Every structure is written in C-alpha cells, then in structure tokens.
Amino acid sequence: MYQKLVEYFEKPSVLILGFGKEGQSTYSFIRRFYPDKKIAIADRREIKIDDENVELLTGENYLEHLNDFDIVMQSPGISLRDVQIDKTTEITGQMDLFLRFAECVKIGITGTKGKTTTTTLIYNIVKASGRKCALIGNIGVPVFESLDDTDGLTAVIEMSCHQLEFAKKSPHVSVMTNIYPEHLDHYNGFEGYVNAKLNIVKNQSESDYFIFNDDQEEMKSLIDFSGIKSKILPVSRYEEDKDEFLKHLTTLNENLKGYHTHQDIFFAVNAARCIGISDEAIEEGIKSFSPIAHRMEKVGTWKEITFYNDSIATIPHAVMCAVSALEKVDTLIFGGLDRGIDYSSFITDLNSCNVSNLIGLPETGGKIIDELKKLGCTKNMIVVDTMDEAVENAYKFTEKGKICLFSPAASSYNRYRNFEEKGNHFKDLAKQLGE
C-alpha cells in the first residue's frame, strides 16, 4: 500500500532531525524495513539509543550537519530559519510523505485557532457515517502510525504550520479556519508563517476542495485565489441565518458555544459534504462531540465561582472569542511569553469589555495592564508573579455566580513546557483552593 514510501528511504542518506514523538516514530518506521541502514539522529538534547548503525549529532551545534545528508526528516517545531539548505538536501517530514504516498482520502485542517475543534468534529461526523477513519496529525498521533491500514480509510488530519512548512502535496479536502500572527519567532516574521499554512492548498488539483473563513478579511487578502486550482468553498458564521439545518446544528451540543465555535461546525459540515456524507451522519457527529481539554474547558464550580480553562488561547482573538461565548466572565487571567505580538487591539478590547477583574501573569500580563492604566482603565487590575497568586486573587474578587476564565493570549514557554502543563496547573489550583 505504501511501497513507494519504503523505497523513498532505500538509497539516500537520512538524518532524523529531532527525537521526540515523531522522530522516534520515523526511526521505528525506517528500522522496520531497513534494520541495518546507516542513519543519523540530530537533537539539541542528549540521546541514548542502542543501535550501532546510528550516528548521533547532539548539543548546541546539532543543526550544522544538515547539508551532509540527502534527506532530513524534520520534526515539527524545530526552526530552520537561520540555516542555509543546499539544493541537494531535501527537507521533509512525516506529514509531507503521508500526503505524497499514503493511498487514502485525506481531509486536512489548519488555522491559527479552531483547528482542533474542527478536526474533531469532522472525525466525529466521518465516524458516524460508518466509514473507516483515523484522527491523526498535530492532534497527537504521528501520521506514520496510520500507514498499515489505509485501505478505504478517510484520514482526518490536523496540520500545524510546522508540519506544513515543507509539504509538497495538499489534501483532497483542505480547511483553513483563520490566520493570525503566531509563531513569529520560528519564521522570522508573519510572511513565513503564512506561507507555511498556505501549503495546505497550493498543491491541490481541480478535483479537490478548499474551504476557508469568508469572515476574516485579513486572511482573504493573504491568499492568491487566482492560483488555486481546486473548488473554493467560502464559509461564514452567518450561514445559519439562511440555512435552517445549520442553525439547528448549533443547538445540538452545549459544549459548542459561541459564534467562532459555530463556524467550526460549518467548516466541518462543508468538509463532510465534499466527500458525500449525509446530513443524518453530520447531525449525529455534532451531537457526539465531547469537550476538548484546554479549549473553553469547564473545570468546575467552587465557592459559587465557575472556572474555565482556555490555555490553548495563545492569541488575543481567541481570548475575546471565549469571553464573548461564555458571557458571564467576571475575572480574566492572562499573560505569558512575550513573542512580539501586537496587543494594541487586545488592550482596547479589554478596556471596553464587561470583565471586571483583570489578572496579569508574566511577561505580557503586566505589560498589558500597564498600557491599560495609561488609558485610564478603571477595572480591578492585578499583576501577579505566579499562577498560585492569580487563582488566589480570582477567588478573592470574582463575583459569586459568575466565571473566572484563564485564557492567556500568549505562549506558555516562559514558565511552562507547553499550554497543557500551564492549563493543568490552573485547573489543579482552582480545585485545591476551592476545596
């Protein structure tokens, strides 16, 4: 089924760049077919592996040897922005090779925000239709893990910008939820980030479909529609106003709140219809959707205050969407790593919204509160140094019967390994201090 992929690794020299989950998956795949092939693994961290046919390239200079190899299997998240790559070296990864060689129906979803919810909804719908399907990609499962059973498969694939950066083929159905400034440090600016995202549509054919957010003018200005070969399907959150079935779908599941989440439903509906799935299966798939951790996740209610964890919201737009969807937010905890994002509109939104208490975490939280003070903002604003202090103040100031929302509008890497660790810390503290 994927013999051409196996043959791809047969003769060239191969470097596995990064030895996390995906790098280890790539190593296992190559070793399965070529147990004695000489390969190399590069990682900033020290690696221990019992394989005499592996050359280890570790430490601070681990990126210096890329041009010594024919193929570099890049793990998502490793930036090559300052590396000059020779024409004789091919940079690729599991996502690119899956798109090129796996023989199955592929639905790909990308976007700055909303892609995990949209991906899960599409998977639920395909599953409800009775088709064989797999939920893979950035959502947690390396795509090579689905290669052994692709006969009749519909692969629903969440695609990050990092996974798409070197993709040379696009899915049969591509969904782009939105584009906002993100990962600017990885790409030396917004243009590189956008170009990576657009690989989801650049290599589509006339028989393919491109579904995009028709409400985001900024995104539409970044796309050269004249160069797209596939069928173009714009999706607006206002579609429910003219389609009773879509409006009905937004009422089926209380875990899908807010206009931005309703638009995710509409993305999923369009993707499902592109591959011929019935409205009955679509409805069942929406009903069966379960909450996703760290995405407007209801943590619980203690001392008559309800806590929501939205640690995935690393850009301002996502934060304000959550505030709008939850309606009764009285306290907002925000802040994290300063990556150079422009917060001017966010500051204006915070000043005018109905949230009473603003609690700022390092680094960006304090800076944003300083700017709000310059505007003459009269809200209760507190700058803290730790999440412990933030939750303590949330219990102190949040009005009973209302919501405390943690939605950072920034990356977590200044204090935490990732947004999951930061969100889990918030959840643990909310429960501990509440009980």
Protein backbone atom coordinates (compact mmCIF):
# COMPACT_ATOMS: atom_id res chain seq x y z
CA MET A 1 0.00 0.00 0.00
CA TYR A 2 2.92 2.38 0.72
CA GLN A 3 5.75 0.61 -1.11
CA LYS A 4 6.85 3.86 -2.75
CA LEU A 5 7.36 5.39 0.69
CA VAL A 6 9.51 2.45 1.76
CA GLU A 7 11.57 2.78 -1.42
CA TYR A 8 11.98 6.52 -0.77
CA PHE A 9 14.30 5.71 2.16
CA GLU A 10 16.23 2.87 0.48
CA LYS A 11 19.27 4.58 -1.06
CA PRO A 12 19.60 8.18 0.19
CA SER A 13 21.45 9.14 3.36
CA VAL A 14 18.91 10.06 6.06
CA LEU A 15 19.04 12.38 9.07
CA ILE A 16 16.21 12.35 11.62
CA LEU A 17 16.10 15.91 12.98
CA GLY A 18 14.57 15.88 16.46
CA PHE A 19 13.97 12.75 18.50
CA GLY A 20 10.66 13.42 20.20
CA LYS A 21 7.44 11.54 19.49
CA GLU A 22 7.57 12.00 15.71
CA GLY A 23 11.31 11.45 15.42
CA GLN A 24 11.05 8.18 17.31
CA SER A 25 8.14 7.14 15.10
CA THR A 26 10.23 7.85 11.98
CA TYR A 27 13.16 5.87 13.38
CA SER A 28 10.88 2.88 14.09
CA PHE A 29 9.44 3.04 10.56
CA ILE A 30 12.87 3.07 8.88
CA ARG A 31 14.21 0.32 11.11
CA ARG A 32 11.19 -1.87 10.34
CA PHE A 33 12.22 -2.06 6.67
CA TYR A 34 15.94 -1.28 6.85
CA PRO A 35 17.29 -2.74 10.12
CA ASP A 36 20.95 -2.22 9.15
CA LYS A 37 20.76 1.07 7.24
CA LYS A 38 23.19 3.74 8.40
CA ILE A 39 21.18 6.76 9.59
CA ALA A 40 21.83 9.79 11.77
CA ILE A 41 19.79 11.46 14.50
CA ALA A 42 20.29 15.10 15.48
CA ASP A 43 18.84 16.74 18.59
CA ARG A 44 19.84 19.51 20.96
CA ARG A 45 19.31 17.08 23.84
CA GLU A 46 21.47 14.07 24.64
CA ILE A 47 20.11 10.84 23.11
CA LYS A 48 20.65 7.31 24.32
CA ILE A 49 19.95 4.59 21.76
CA ASP A 50 21.28 1.05 21.40
CA ASP A 51 21.91 0.96 17.66
CA GLU A 52 25.41 0.72 16.22
CA ASN A 53 24.14 1.91 12.83
CA VAL A 54 23.05 5.30 14.19
CA GLU A 55 25.26 8.37 14.24
CA LEU A 56 24.29 10.82 16.98
CA LEU A 57 24.66 14.57 16.43
CA THR A 58 23.71 16.35 19.66
CA GLY A 59 24.35 19.55 21.55
CA GLU A 60 24.13 23.23 20.67
CA ASN A 61 25.53 22.71 17.14
CA TYR A 62 23.14 19.93 16.15
CA LEU A 63 21.89 21.88 13.09
CA GLU A 64 25.33 22.24 11.49
CA HIS A 65 25.31 18.93 9.61
CA LEU A 66 22.02 19.06 7.69
CA ASN A 67 23.67 19.51 4.32
CA ASP A 68 25.69 16.31 4.79
CA PHE A 69 22.53 14.28 4.07
CA ASP A 70 20.21 13.64 1.13
CA ILE A 71 17.04 13.60 3.25
CA VAL A 72 16.36 15.46 6.50
CA MET A 73 13.24 14.24 8.33
CA GLN A 74 12.42 17.41 10.27
CA SER A 75 10.36 17.10 13.44
CA PRO A 76 7.68 19.81 13.76
CA GLY A 77 8.75 22.76 15.87
CA ILE A 78 12.46 22.77 15.01
CA SER A 79 13.12 26.09 13.30
CA LEU A 80 15.42 26.21 10.27
CA ARG A 81 15.01 29.97 9.79
CA ASP A 82 18.75 30.66 10.13
CA VAL A 83 20.02 27.55 8.31
CA GLN A 84 21.15 27.68 4.68
CA ILE A 85 19.98 24.47 2.99
CA ASP A 86 21.77 23.14 -0.10
CA LYS A 87 19.72 22.18 -3.15
CA THR A 88 21.00 18.62 -2.82
CA THR A 89 19.32 18.21 0.59
CA GLU A 90 15.58 17.59 0.79
CA ILE A 91 13.84 18.79 3.93
CA THR A 92 10.70 16.78 4.56
CA GLY A 93 8.71 15.15 7.36
CA GLN A 94 6.00 12.65 8.12
CA MET A 95 3.18 14.97 7.07
CA ASP A 96 4.69 15.66 3.65
CA LEU A 97 5.41 11.99 2.98
CA PHE A 98 1.98 10.85 4.18
CA LEU A 99 0.33 13.31 1.80
CA ARG A 100 2.57 12.16 -1.06
CA PHE A 101 2.49 8.39 -0.57
CA ALA A 102 -0.48 7.22 1.57
CA GLU A 103 -3.35 5.93 -0.59
CA CYS A 104 -6.49 7.11 1.19
CA VAL A 105 -8.92 10.04 1.37
CA LYS A 106 -7.23 12.92 3.20
CA ILE A 107 -9.03 15.80 4.90
CA GLY A 108 -6.57 18.37 6.24
CA ILE A 109 -7.37 21.16 8.69
CA THR A 110 -5.15 24.08 9.60
CA GLY A 111 -5.54 27.57 11.05
CA THR A 112 -4.20 29.61 13.93
CA LYS A 113 -7.20 28.77 16.10
CA GLY A 114 -10.17 26.42 15.80
CA LYS A 115 -8.36 23.61 14.01
CA THR A 116 -8.57 21.04 16.81
CA THR A 117 -12.31 21.57 17.33
CA THR A 118 -12.93 21.49 13.57
CA THR A 119 -10.76 18.39 13.14
CA THR A 120 -12.55 16.55 15.95
CA LEU A 121 -15.95 17.50 14.58
CA ILE A 122 -15.06 16.20 11.10
CA TYR A 123 -13.72 12.97 12.60
CA ASN A 124 -16.91 12.51 14.63
CA ILE A 125 -19.02 13.01 11.52
CA VAL A 126 -16.98 10.61 9.36
CA LYS A 127 -17.12 8.04 12.15
CA ALA A 128 -20.89 8.49 12.48
CA SER A 129 -21.24 7.80 8.74
CA GLY A 130 -19.83 4.31 9.24
CA ARG A 131 -16.67 4.90 7.24
CA LYS A 132 -13.27 3.72 8.42
CA CYS A 133 -11.45 6.78 9.67
CA ALA A 134 -8.40 7.92 11.62
CA LEU A 135 -7.78 11.06 13.69
CA ILE A 136 -4.10 11.94 13.23
CA GLY A 137 -1.50 14.68 12.87
CA ASN A 138 -0.96 17.63 15.19
CA ILE A 139 -3.79 16.36 17.40
CA GLY A 140 -1.31 13.88 18.87
CA VAL A 141 -0.82 10.81 16.66
CA PRO A 142 2.11 10.77 14.17
CA VAL A 143 0.69 10.19 10.68
CA PHE A 144 3.01 7.23 10.00
CA GLU A 145 1.06 5.36 12.70
CA SER A 146 -1.87 5.05 10.27
CA LEU A 147 0.03 3.66 7.28
CA ASP A 148 -0.70 -0.03 7.86
CA ASP A 149 -4.46 0.21 7.42
CA THR A 150 -5.19 2.80 4.74
CA ASP A 151 -7.44 0.63 2.56
CA GLY A 152 -10.76 2.50 2.41
CA LEU A 153 -9.55 4.95 5.06
CA THR A 154 -10.59 8.57 5.48
CA ALA A 155 -7.73 10.29 7.30
CA VAL A 156 -8.78 13.41 9.22
CA ILE A 157 -5.55 15.30 9.80
CA GLU A 158 -4.90 18.33 11.99
CA MET A 159 -2.00 20.17 10.38
CA SER A 160 0.20 22.69 12.15
CA CYS A 161 2.23 25.31 10.31
CA HIS A 162 5.37 23.34 11.23
CA GLN A 163 4.01 20.16 9.66
CA LEU A 164 3.00 22.03 6.51
CA GLU A 165 6.20 24.06 6.16
CA PHE A 166 7.84 21.64 3.72
CA ALA A 167 4.73 19.90 2.35
CA LYS A 168 4.84 19.34 -1.40
CA LYS A 169 1.33 17.90 -1.74
CA SER A 170 -2.05 19.03 -0.38
CA PRO A 171 -5.04 17.05 0.95
CA HIS A 172 -8.12 16.21 -1.13
CA VAL A 173 -10.19 18.43 1.18
CA SER A 174 -8.37 21.37 2.83
CA VAL A 175 -9.86 23.55 5.56
CA MET A 176 -8.32 26.83 6.74
CA THR A 177 -10.10 28.22 9.79
CA ASN A 178 -8.22 31.56 10.10
CA ILE A 179 -4.77 33.15 10.17
CA TYR A 180 -3.50 35.42 12.95
CA PRO A 181 0.09 36.34 13.90
CA GLU A 182 1.61 33.33 15.69
CA HIS A 183 5.00 31.57 15.90
CA LEU A 184 6.67 34.71 14.58
CA ASP A 185 9.96 33.78 16.25
CA HIS A 186 10.01 30.45 14.36
CA TYR A 187 9.64 32.02 10.91
CA ASN A 188 11.37 35.41 11.29
CA GLY A 189 8.01 37.12 10.82
CA PHE A 190 4.43 36.72 9.69
CA GLU A 191 5.12 36.07 6.00
CA GLY A 192 6.94 32.80 6.61
CA TYR A 193 4.17 31.60 8.92
CA VAL A 194 1.50 32.38 6.31
CA ASN A 195 3.46 30.67 3.53
CA ALA A 196 3.72 27.51 5.61
CA LYS A 197 -0.04 27.48 6.25
CA LEU A 198 -0.85 28.03 2.57
CA ASN A 199 0.88 24.78 1.61
CA ILE A 200 -2.42 23.13 2.56
CA VAL A 201 -3.93 24.48 -0.69
CA LYS A 202 -1.01 25.28 -3.02
CA ASN A 203 -0.72 21.76 -4.44
CA GLN A 204 -4.39 20.86 -4.81
CA SER A 205 -5.87 19.75 -8.15
CA GLU A 206 -9.15 20.56 -9.93
CA SER A 207 -10.88 17.63 -8.21
CA ASP A 208 -10.00 18.89 -4.71
CA TYR A 209 -11.77 21.31 -2.33
CA PHE A 210 -10.57 24.35 -0.40
CA ILE A 211 -12.78 25.51 2.49
CA PHE A 212 -11.86 28.83 4.11
CA ASN A 213 -13.07 31.50 6.53
CA ASP A 214 -15.02 34.06 4.50
CA ASP A 215 -15.40 36.36 7.51
CA GLN A 216 -11.72 37.14 8.01
CA GLU A 217 -10.76 39.86 5.56
CA GLU A 218 -7.11 39.79 6.62
CA MET A 219 -6.84 36.13 5.70
CA LYS A 220 -8.52 36.58 2.34
CA SER A 221 -6.05 39.33 1.48
CA LEU A 222 -3.18 36.88 2.06
CA ILE A 223 -4.50 34.24 -0.34
CA ASP A 224 -3.92 34.41 -4.09
CA PHE A 225 -7.20 32.82 -5.17
CA SER A 226 -6.26 33.10 -8.85
CA GLY A 227 -3.57 30.49 -8.31
CA ILE A 228 -5.84 27.94 -6.64
CA LYS A 229 -6.89 25.05 -8.87
CA SER A 230 -9.38 23.39 -6.50
CA LYS A 231 -13.06 24.12 -5.89
CA ILE A 232 -13.29 27.07 -3.49
CA LEU A 233 -15.90 26.98 -0.70
CA PRO A 234 -16.16 30.13 1.48
CA VAL A 235 -17.71 29.61 4.93
CA SER A 236 -19.25 32.34 7.08
CA ARG A 237 -20.53 32.19 10.64
CA TYR A 238 -23.64 33.96 9.36
CA GLU A 239 -24.66 30.97 7.24
CA GLU A 240 -27.04 29.80 9.96
CA ASP A 241 -29.16 32.89 9.25
CA LYS A 242 -30.08 31.48 5.84
CA ASP A 243 -29.85 27.72 6.44
CA GLU A 244 -32.23 26.17 8.97
CA PHE A 245 -30.26 22.91 9.11
CA LEU A 246 -27.06 24.73 10.06
CA LYS A 247 -28.93 26.76 12.67
CA HIS A 248 -30.34 23.50 14.05
CA LEU A 249 -26.82 22.05 14.35
CA THR A 250 -25.69 24.93 16.59
CA THR A 251 -28.33 23.95 19.17
CA LEU A 252 -27.40 20.26 19.46
CA ASN A 253 -24.42 20.39 21.82
CA GLU A 254 -23.90 22.67 24.80
CA ASN A 255 -20.12 22.16 24.52
CA LEU A 256 -20.11 24.11 21.25
CA LYS A 257 -20.71 27.68 22.41
CA GLY A 258 -20.03 30.96 20.67
CA TYR A 259 -20.07 32.18 17.09
CA HIS A 260 -16.45 31.08 16.49
CA THR A 261 -17.34 27.51 17.50
CA HIS A 262 -20.46 27.62 15.35
CA GLN A 263 -18.22 28.47 12.42
CA ASP A 264 -16.13 25.40 13.23
CA ILE A 265 -19.35 23.39 12.86
CA PHE A 266 -19.93 24.92 9.44
CA PHE A 267 -16.37 24.10 8.34
CA ALA A 268 -16.97 20.50 9.37
CA VAL A 269 -20.33 20.31 7.57
CA ASN A 270 -18.80 21.54 4.33
CA ALA A 271 -15.89 19.13 4.56
CA ALA A 272 -18.24 16.21 5.20
CA ARG A 273 -20.43 17.11 2.25
CA CYS A 274 -17.37 17.26 -0.02
CA ILE A 275 -16.92 13.53 0.45
CA GLY A 276 -20.61 12.70 0.23
CA ILE A 277 -21.60 12.25 3.88
CA SER A 278 -25.31 12.53 4.67
CA ASP A 279 -26.96 15.18 6.85
CA GLU A 280 -28.08 12.41 9.22
CA ALA A 281 -24.46 11.43 9.91
CA ILE A 282 -23.49 15.09 10.20
CA GLU A 283 -26.13 15.63 12.87
CA GLU A 284 -25.04 12.53 14.79
CA GLY A 285 -21.41 13.61 14.64
CA ILE A 286 -22.20 17.05 16.09
CA LYS A 287 -24.26 15.51 18.89
CA SER A 288 -21.44 13.16 19.90
CA PHE A 289 -18.81 15.90 20.23
CA SER A 290 -17.15 15.94 23.68
CA PRO A 291 -15.29 18.85 25.30
CA ILE A 292 -11.60 19.12 24.40
CA ALA A 293 -9.15 19.74 27.21
CA HIS A 294 -7.77 23.30 27.46
CA ARG A 295 -10.32 24.72 24.98
CA MET A 296 -13.00 26.64 26.90
CA GLU A 297 -12.92 23.64 29.23
CA LYS A 298 -15.26 23.84 32.19
CA VAL A 299 -13.14 22.92 35.20
CA GLY A 300 -15.82 23.07 37.90
CA THR A 301 -17.66 25.32 40.33
CA TRP A 302 -16.30 26.06 43.80
CA LYS A 303 -17.45 28.74 46.26
CA GLU A 304 -20.13 29.65 43.68
CA ILE A 305 -17.48 30.60 41.09
CA THR A 306 -17.22 28.62 37.84
CA PHE A 307 -13.72 28.14 36.42
CA TYR A 308 -12.90 27.70 32.73
CA ASN A 309 -9.52 26.69 31.34
CA ASP A 310 -8.74 28.04 27.87
CA SER A 311 -4.96 27.68 27.90
CA ILE A 312 -4.88 26.89 24.15
CA ALA A 313 -5.86 30.54 23.51
CA THR A 314 -2.39 31.92 22.82
CA ILE A 315 -3.52 34.87 20.68
CA PRO A 316 -5.79 37.81 21.64
CA HIS A 317 -8.57 36.98 19.15
CA ALA A 318 -9.12 33.56 20.75
CA VAL A 319 -9.37 35.13 24.21
CA MET A 320 -12.05 37.60 23.20
CA CYS A 321 -13.98 34.82 21.43
CA ALA A 322 -14.06 32.89 24.71
CA VAL A 323 -15.12 35.96 26.70
CA SER A 324 -17.96 36.54 24.23
CA ALA A 325 -19.06 32.89 24.17
CA LEU A 326 -19.13 32.44 27.95
CA GLU A 327 -20.87 35.79 28.55
CA LYS A 328 -20.63 35.77 32.38
CA VAL A 329 -16.85 36.19 32.68
CA ASP A 330 -16.11 38.39 35.68
CA THR A 331 -12.38 37.59 36.02
CA LEU A 332 -9.84 37.02 33.25
CA ILE A 333 -6.38 35.58 33.94
CA PHE A 334 -3.96 36.15 31.06
CA GLY A 335 -0.30 36.54 30.18
CA GLY A 336 2.75 34.52 29.15
CA LEU A 337 5.83 34.63 26.96
CA ASP A 338 6.35 37.89 25.04
CA ARG A 339 6.84 36.88 21.38
CA GLY A 340 6.42 40.35 19.91
CA ILE A 341 2.69 40.11 19.17
CA ASP A 342 0.89 43.44 18.71
CA TYR A 343 -1.52 43.73 21.67
CA SER A 344 -2.94 47.19 20.88
CA SER A 345 -6.36 45.91 19.75
CA PHE A 346 -6.48 43.46 22.66
CA ILE A 347 -5.82 46.29 25.11
CA THR A 348 -8.70 48.26 23.58
CA ASP A 349 -10.98 45.21 23.79
CA LEU A 350 -10.09 44.56 27.43
CA ASN A 351 -10.77 48.18 28.31
CA SER A 352 -14.25 48.10 26.78
CA CYS A 353 -15.42 44.56 27.64
CA ASN A 354 -17.62 43.63 30.61
CA VAL A 355 -14.93 41.71 32.52
CA SER A 356 -14.44 43.34 35.93
CA ASN A 357 -11.16 41.79 37.12
CA LEU A 358 -8.01 41.51 35.01
CA ILE A 359 -5.18 39.42 36.44
CA GLY A 360 -1.87 39.58 34.53
CA LEU A 361 0.77 36.85 34.57
CA PRO A 362 4.40 37.34 33.47
CA GLU A 363 5.58 38.50 30.96
CA THR A 364 2.86 40.03 28.84
CA GLY A 365 0.19 40.32 31.53
CA GLY A 366 1.99 43.06 33.43
CA LYS A 367 2.84 44.97 30.25
CA ILE A 368 -0.76 44.90 29.07
CA ILE A 369 -2.04 46.10 32.43
CA ASP A 370 0.50 48.94 32.37
CA GLU A 371 -0.91 50.05 29.00
CA LEU A 372 -4.47 49.80 30.31
CA LYS A 373 -3.56 52.08 33.21
CA LYS A 374 -2.21 54.62 30.74
CA LEU A 375 -5.63 54.56 29.04
CA GLY A 376 -7.28 55.33 32.35
CA CYS A 377 -8.89 51.91 32.69
CA THR A 378 -10.87 51.69 35.93
CA LYS A 379 -11.21 47.91 36.16
CA ASN A 380 -9.75 45.95 39.05
CA MET A 381 -6.30 45.12 37.64
CA ILE A 382 -3.77 42.93 39.42
CA VAL A 383 -0.26 41.97 38.32
CA VAL A 384 0.94 38.67 39.80
CA ASP A 385 4.12 36.62 39.53
CA THR A 386 2.69 33.10 39.72
CA MET A 387 -0.40 31.12 38.81
CA ASP A 388 -0.94 30.46 42.52
CA GLU A 389 -1.33 34.20 43.15
CA ALA A 390 -3.59 34.53 40.12
CA VAL A 391 -6.07 31.89 41.30
CA GLU A 392 -5.99 33.19 44.88
CA ASN A 393 -6.99 36.64 43.61
CA ALA A 394 -9.65 35.10 41.36
CA TYR A 395 -11.31 33.58 44.42
CA LYS A 396 -10.96 36.88 46.27
CA PHE A 397 -12.53 39.14 43.64
CA THR A 398 -14.80 37.12 41.31
CA GLU A 399 -18.49 37.78 41.90
CA LYS A 400 -20.41 34.70 43.04
CA GLY A 401 -22.46 33.12 40.28
CA LYS A 402 -20.01 34.29 37.63
CA ILE A 403 -16.98 32.91 35.77
CA CYS A 404 -13.22 33.04 36.15
CA LEU A 405 -11.59 32.37 32.77
CA PHE A 406 -7.93 31.53 32.24
CA SER A 407 -7.13 32.46 28.64
CA PRO A 408 -3.52 33.62 28.26
CA ALA A 409 -3.25 35.38 24.85
CA ALA A 410 0.40 34.32 24.90
CA SER A 411 2.65 31.30 24.76
CA SER A 412 3.46 29.36 27.94
CA TYR A 413 7.16 28.73 27.36
CA ASN A 414 8.46 31.37 29.77
CA ARG A 415 7.33 29.31 32.79
CA TYR A 416 5.89 26.03 31.46
CA ARG A 417 6.80 23.33 28.93
CA ASN A 418 3.57 23.84 26.98
CA PHE A 419 -0.01 25.10 27.20
CA GLU A 420 -1.17 21.75 28.60
CA GLU A 421 1.10 21.98 31.62
CA LYS A 422 0.02 25.57 32.26
CA GLY A 423 -3.67 24.70 31.90
CA ASN A 424 -3.35 21.70 34.20
CA HIS A 425 -1.67 23.87 36.83
CA PHE A 426 -4.56 26.33 36.66
CA LYS A 427 -7.11 23.50 36.98
CA ASP A 428 -5.31 21.93 39.93
CA LEU A 429 -5.13 25.25 41.78
CA ALA A 430 -8.78 26.10 41.12
CA LYS A 431 -9.79 22.77 42.64
CA GLN A 432 -7.32 22.85 45.55
CA LEU A 433 -8.13 26.40 46.65
CA GLY A 434 -11.85 25.79 46.15
CA GLU A 435 -11.98 22.70 48.32
